[in-house]
Structure formats: C-alpha cells, structure tokens
Amino acid sequence: MSNQRYPEEFKIEAVRQVTERGHSVAEVSSRLGTTTHSLYAWIKKYGPQAEENQLKSSDQTEIKRLQKELKRVTEERDILKKAAAYFANNPE
C-alpha cells in the first residue's frame, strides 16, 4: 500500500479520462499507477456530480448536528419536568 500523494491537477485529469474520454476506471488506474479505489474517490470528489455529492454531504452533516441538538434539548426538557414535579410535590 502506497501513501503517495498526487497533485489535484493529476487527480482531475485522471477523472477526465474516465468521465469525458470514456476510458474504464481499471484501465486508467493501471496506466497511472493508482488504485481503483482512489480513482473512484477522485471521481466522487472531482467528477460531474461532485457538487451534488458535496451538497448531500453537507446536508448529512447538518442533519447529524440537528439530531444531536434535539437529543440534548430533549434531555434538558426531561430533567426540567422531573424538577418541576419534585418541587410541586415537596413545597418548602
């Protein structure tokens, strides 16, 4: 397994060879000396649907953030309910 880093221009050109010129992923990856896994990741990042994938990713991040906040607020509400019930039953 190689930890070689490729410049962004290299990745974009590799994606173009697959998306615009019609070469197969296996062919391009073997010719360039990369893995097919890397090339598929580059296609997802730099390909024609990259903006759509990025929007989905940002939407998923926002959904996770909102779910976390909802859980926290729900827990706070439950604690306040218990405190209100306690003080209603034990006036001092």
N, C-alpha and C. Protein backbone atom coordinates (compact mmCIF):
# COMPACT_ATOMS: atom_id res chain seq x y z
N MET A 1 0.84 -1.18 0.00
CA MET A 1 0.00 0.00 0.00
C MET A 1 0.89 1.24 0.00
N SER A 2 0.59 2.14 -0.90
CA SER A 2 1.40 3.33 -1.06
C SER A 2 0.72 4.53 -0.41
N ASN A 3 1.52 5.35 0.22
CA ASN A 3 1.00 6.58 0.81
C ASN A 3 1.34 7.78 -0.07
N GLN A 4 1.51 7.53 -1.36
CA GLN A 4 1.89 8.59 -2.28
C GLN A 4 0.76 9.60 -2.42
N ARG A 5 1.12 10.86 -2.41
CA ARG A 5 0.15 11.94 -2.59
C ARG A 5 0.24 12.42 -4.03
N TYR A 6 -0.93 12.64 -4.63
CA TYR A 6 -0.97 13.11 -6.00
C TYR A 6 -1.48 14.55 -6.02
N PRO A 7 -0.95 15.37 -6.92
CA PRO A 7 -1.44 16.75 -7.01
C PRO A 7 -2.89 16.77 -7.50
N GLU A 8 -3.59 17.82 -7.16
CA GLU A 8 -5.00 17.94 -7.54
C GLU A 8 -5.19 17.91 -9.05
N GLU A 9 -4.28 18.53 -9.80
CA GLU A 9 -4.37 18.55 -11.26
C GLU A 9 -4.29 17.12 -11.82
N PHE A 10 -3.44 16.30 -11.22
CA PHE A 10 -3.30 14.90 -11.63
C PHE A 10 -4.63 14.16 -11.44
N LYS A 11 -5.24 14.39 -10.29
CA LYS A 11 -6.50 13.72 -9.97
C LYS A 11 -7.61 14.16 -10.93
N ILE A 12 -7.67 15.45 -11.20
CA ILE A 12 -8.70 15.98 -12.10
C ILE A 12 -8.52 15.41 -13.50
N GLU A 13 -7.28 15.32 -13.97
CA GLU A 13 -7.03 14.76 -15.30
C GLU A 13 -7.39 13.28 -15.34
N ALA A 14 -7.10 12.55 -14.28
CA ALA A 14 -7.48 11.14 -14.23
C ALA A 14 -8.99 10.99 -14.30
N VAL A 15 -9.71 11.85 -13.60
CA VAL A 15 -11.18 11.81 -13.64
C VAL A 15 -11.68 12.13 -15.03
N ARG A 16 -11.08 13.10 -15.69
CA ARG A 16 -11.48 13.46 -17.06
C ARG A 16 -11.32 12.29 -18.02
N GLN A 17 -10.25 11.52 -17.83
CA GLN A 17 -10.02 10.38 -18.71
C GLN A 17 -11.16 9.37 -18.59
N VAL A 18 -11.73 9.26 -17.41
CA VAL A 18 -12.83 8.32 -17.22
C VAL A 18 -14.16 8.94 -17.67
N THR A 19 -14.44 10.17 -17.21
CA THR A 19 -15.77 10.76 -17.44
C THR A 19 -15.94 11.34 -18.84
N GLU A 20 -14.92 11.99 -19.37
CA GLU A 20 -15.07 12.66 -20.65
C GLU A 20 -14.57 11.82 -21.83
N ARG A 21 -13.51 11.07 -21.62
CA ARG A 21 -12.92 10.31 -22.73
C ARG A 21 -13.41 8.87 -22.79
N GLY A 22 -14.13 8.43 -21.76
CA GLY A 22 -14.75 7.12 -21.81
C GLY A 22 -13.86 5.94 -21.49
N HIS A 23 -12.68 6.16 -20.93
CA HIS A 23 -11.81 5.05 -20.55
C HIS A 23 -12.36 4.41 -19.28
N SER A 24 -12.07 3.13 -19.08
CA SER A 24 -12.55 2.45 -17.88
C SER A 24 -11.70 2.84 -16.68
N VAL A 25 -12.29 2.71 -15.51
CA VAL A 25 -11.58 3.03 -14.27
C VAL A 25 -10.37 2.12 -14.11
N ALA A 26 -10.54 0.84 -14.39
CA ALA A 26 -9.44 -0.12 -14.24
C ALA A 26 -8.29 0.23 -15.19
N GLU A 27 -8.63 0.61 -16.41
CA GLU A 27 -7.61 0.96 -17.39
C GLU A 27 -6.83 2.19 -16.96
N VAL A 28 -7.52 3.23 -16.56
CA VAL A 28 -6.87 4.47 -16.17
C VAL A 28 -6.03 4.27 -14.91
N SER A 29 -6.57 3.55 -13.94
CA SER A 29 -5.82 3.36 -12.69
C SER A 29 -4.56 2.53 -12.92
N SER A 30 -4.63 1.51 -13.76
CA SER A 30 -3.42 0.71 -14.01
C SER A 30 -2.40 1.51 -14.81
N ARG A 31 -2.87 2.31 -15.77
CA ARG A 31 -1.95 3.12 -16.58
C ARG A 31 -1.26 4.19 -15.74
N LEU A 32 -1.98 4.76 -14.77
CA LEU A 32 -1.42 5.84 -13.95
C LEU A 32 -0.74 5.34 -12.68
N GLY A 33 -0.92 4.07 -12.38
CA GLY A 33 -0.29 3.51 -11.19
C GLY A 33 -1.00 3.85 -9.90
N THR A 34 -2.30 4.02 -9.98
CA THR A 34 -3.10 4.29 -8.79
C THR A 34 -4.02 3.10 -8.54
N THR A 35 -4.71 3.12 -7.42
CA THR A 35 -5.69 2.07 -7.15
C THR A 35 -7.04 2.48 -7.71
N THR A 36 -7.87 1.50 -8.01
CA THR A 36 -9.22 1.82 -8.49
C THR A 36 -10.02 2.51 -7.39
N HIS A 37 -9.76 2.12 -6.15
CA HIS A 37 -10.45 2.75 -5.02
C HIS A 37 -10.17 4.26 -4.99
N SER A 38 -8.90 4.62 -5.17
CA SER A 38 -8.53 6.05 -5.18
C SER A 38 -9.22 6.77 -6.33
N LEU A 39 -9.22 6.14 -7.49
CA LEU A 39 -9.81 6.78 -8.67
C LEU A 39 -11.32 6.97 -8.48
N TYR A 40 -11.99 5.99 -7.91
CA TYR A 40 -13.42 6.16 -7.64
C TYR A 40 -13.66 7.30 -6.64
N ALA A 41 -12.80 7.43 -5.64
CA ALA A 41 -12.92 8.53 -4.68
C ALA A 41 -12.70 9.87 -5.38
N TRP A 42 -11.75 9.92 -6.29
CA TRP A 42 -11.50 11.16 -7.03
C TRP A 42 -12.69 11.51 -7.92
N ILE A 43 -13.29 10.49 -8.53
CA ILE A 43 -14.47 10.74 -9.37
C ILE A 43 -15.59 11.32 -8.53
N LYS A 44 -15.75 10.79 -7.34
CA LYS A 44 -16.79 11.31 -6.45
C LYS A 44 -16.50 12.77 -6.06
N LYS A 45 -15.22 13.08 -5.87
CA LYS A 45 -14.84 14.42 -5.43
C LYS A 45 -14.77 15.42 -6.58
N TYR A 46 -14.24 15.01 -7.73
CA TYR A 46 -13.99 15.95 -8.83
C TYR A 46 -14.86 15.71 -10.06
N GLY A 47 -15.67 14.67 -10.06
CA GLY A 47 -16.46 14.30 -11.23
C GLY A 47 -17.62 15.24 -11.48
N PRO A 48 -18.43 14.88 -12.49
CA PRO A 48 -19.53 15.76 -12.89
C PRO A 48 -20.60 15.92 -11.81
N GLN A 49 -20.72 14.97 -10.90
CA GLN A 49 -21.72 15.06 -9.84
C GLN A 49 -21.10 15.47 -8.51
N ALA A 50 -19.91 16.03 -8.54
CA ALA A 50 -19.20 16.38 -7.32
C ALA A 50 -19.98 17.40 -6.48
N GLU A 51 -20.57 18.38 -7.13
CA GLU A 51 -21.31 19.41 -6.38
C GLU A 51 -22.52 18.79 -5.69
N GLU A 52 -23.19 17.89 -6.39
CA GLU A 52 -24.35 17.21 -5.81
C GLU A 52 -23.93 16.36 -4.61
N ASN A 53 -22.80 15.65 -4.74
CA ASN A 53 -22.30 14.84 -3.64
C ASN A 53 -21.91 15.71 -2.45
N GLN A 54 -21.33 16.86 -2.73
CA GLN A 54 -20.92 17.77 -1.66
C GLN A 54 -22.15 18.32 -0.93
N LEU A 55 -23.20 18.63 -1.69
CA LEU A 55 -24.43 19.12 -1.07
C LEU A 55 -25.05 18.04 -0.19
N LYS A 56 -25.05 16.80 -0.66
CA LYS A 56 -25.57 15.70 0.15
C LYS A 56 -24.76 15.56 1.43
N SER A 57 -23.44 15.68 1.30
CA SER A 57 -22.57 15.55 2.46
C SER A 57 -22.84 16.67 3.47
N SER A 58 -22.98 17.89 2.99
CA SER A 58 -23.24 18.99 3.91
C SER A 58 -24.63 18.86 4.53
N ASP A 59 -25.59 18.33 3.76
CA ASP A 59 -26.92 18.10 4.32
C ASP A 59 -26.86 17.04 5.41
N GLN A 60 -26.11 15.98 5.18
CA GLN A 60 -25.97 14.92 6.18
C GLN A 60 -25.32 15.46 7.45
N THR A 61 -24.32 16.32 7.29
CA THR A 61 -23.65 16.93 8.45
C THR A 61 -24.63 17.77 9.24
N GLU A 62 -25.45 18.54 8.54
CA GLU A 62 -26.44 19.38 9.21
C GLU A 62 -27.49 18.52 9.93
N ILE A 63 -27.92 17.44 9.30
CA ILE A 63 -28.89 16.55 9.92
C ILE A 63 -28.33 15.95 11.20
N LYS A 64 -27.07 15.50 11.17
CA LYS A 64 -26.44 14.93 12.36
C LYS A 64 -26.34 15.97 13.47
N ARG A 65 -25.98 17.20 13.12
CA ARG A 65 -25.87 18.27 14.11
C ARG A 65 -27.23 18.54 14.75
N LEU A 66 -28.26 18.59 13.92
CA LEU A 66 -29.60 18.86 14.44
C LEU A 66 -30.12 17.71 15.30
N GLN A 67 -29.80 16.48 14.93
CA GLN A 67 -30.20 15.33 15.74
C GLN A 67 -29.53 15.38 17.11
N LYS A 68 -28.26 15.74 17.12
CA LYS A 68 -27.53 15.84 18.39
C LYS A 68 -28.14 16.94 19.27
N GLU A 69 -28.45 18.08 18.65
CA GLU A 69 -29.05 19.18 19.41
C GLU A 69 -30.43 18.80 19.93
N LEU A 70 -31.21 18.09 19.11
CA LEU A 70 -32.54 17.65 19.55
C LEU A 70 -32.43 16.71 20.75
N LYS A 71 -31.47 15.82 20.72
CA LYS A 71 -31.28 14.90 21.84
C LYS A 71 -30.94 15.66 23.11
N ARG A 72 -30.04 16.65 23.00
CA ARG A 72 -29.65 17.44 24.17
C ARG A 72 -30.84 18.22 24.72
N VAL A 73 -31.61 18.85 23.86
CA VAL A 73 -32.75 19.64 24.29
C VAL A 73 -33.82 18.74 24.91
N THR A 74 -34.02 17.56 24.36
CA THR A 74 -34.99 16.62 24.91
C THR A 74 -34.58 16.18 26.31
N GLU A 75 -33.29 15.91 26.50
CA GLU A 75 -32.80 15.54 27.83
C GLU A 75 -32.98 16.68 28.82
N GLU A 76 -32.70 17.90 28.40
CA GLU A 76 -32.89 19.06 29.27
C GLU A 76 -34.36 19.21 29.66
N ARG A 77 -35.26 19.02 28.69
CA ARG A 77 -36.69 19.12 28.96
C ARG A 77 -37.12 18.07 29.98
N ASP A 78 -36.62 16.85 29.82
CA ASP A 78 -36.98 15.78 30.75
C ASP A 78 -36.48 16.07 32.16
N ILE A 79 -35.29 16.62 32.28
CA ILE A 79 -34.75 17.00 33.59
C ILE A 79 -35.61 18.08 34.22
N LEU A 80 -36.00 19.08 33.43
CA LEU A 80 -36.84 20.16 33.95
C LEU A 80 -38.22 19.64 34.38
N LYS A 81 -38.78 18.69 33.64
CA LYS A 81 -40.06 18.10 34.02
C LYS A 81 -39.94 17.41 35.38
N LYS A 82 -38.87 16.65 35.56
CA LYS A 82 -38.67 15.94 36.82
C LYS A 82 -38.48 16.93 37.97
N ALA A 83 -37.73 17.99 37.72
CA ALA A 83 -37.50 19.01 38.76
C ALA A 83 -38.81 19.70 39.11
N ALA A 84 -39.63 20.01 38.12
CA ALA A 84 -40.91 20.67 38.38
C ALA A 84 -41.83 19.76 39.18
N ALA A 85 -41.85 18.48 38.84
CA ALA A 85 -42.67 17.52 39.59
C ALA A 85 -42.17 17.38 41.01
N TYR A 86 -40.88 17.35 41.21
CA TYR A 86 -40.30 17.23 42.55
C TYR A 86 -40.70 18.43 43.42
N PHE A 87 -40.55 19.64 42.87
CA PHE A 87 -40.84 20.82 43.66
C PHE A 87 -42.35 21.01 43.86
N ALA A 88 -43.16 20.48 42.97
CA ALA A 88 -44.61 20.55 43.15
C ALA A 88 -45.06 19.64 44.26
N ASN A 89 -44.38 18.51 44.44
CA ASN A 89 -44.74 17.55 45.48
C ASN A 89 -44.08 17.86 46.82
N ASN A 90 -43.02 18.63 46.85
CA ASN A 90 -42.26 18.93 48.07
C ASN A 90 -42.12 20.43 48.28
N PRO A 91 -43.20 21.14 48.52
CA PRO A 91 -43.06 22.59 48.73
C PRO A 91 -42.43 22.88 50.07
N GLU A 92 -41.50 23.74 50.10
CA GLU A 92 -40.82 24.08 51.36
C GLU A 92 -40.74 25.55 51.56
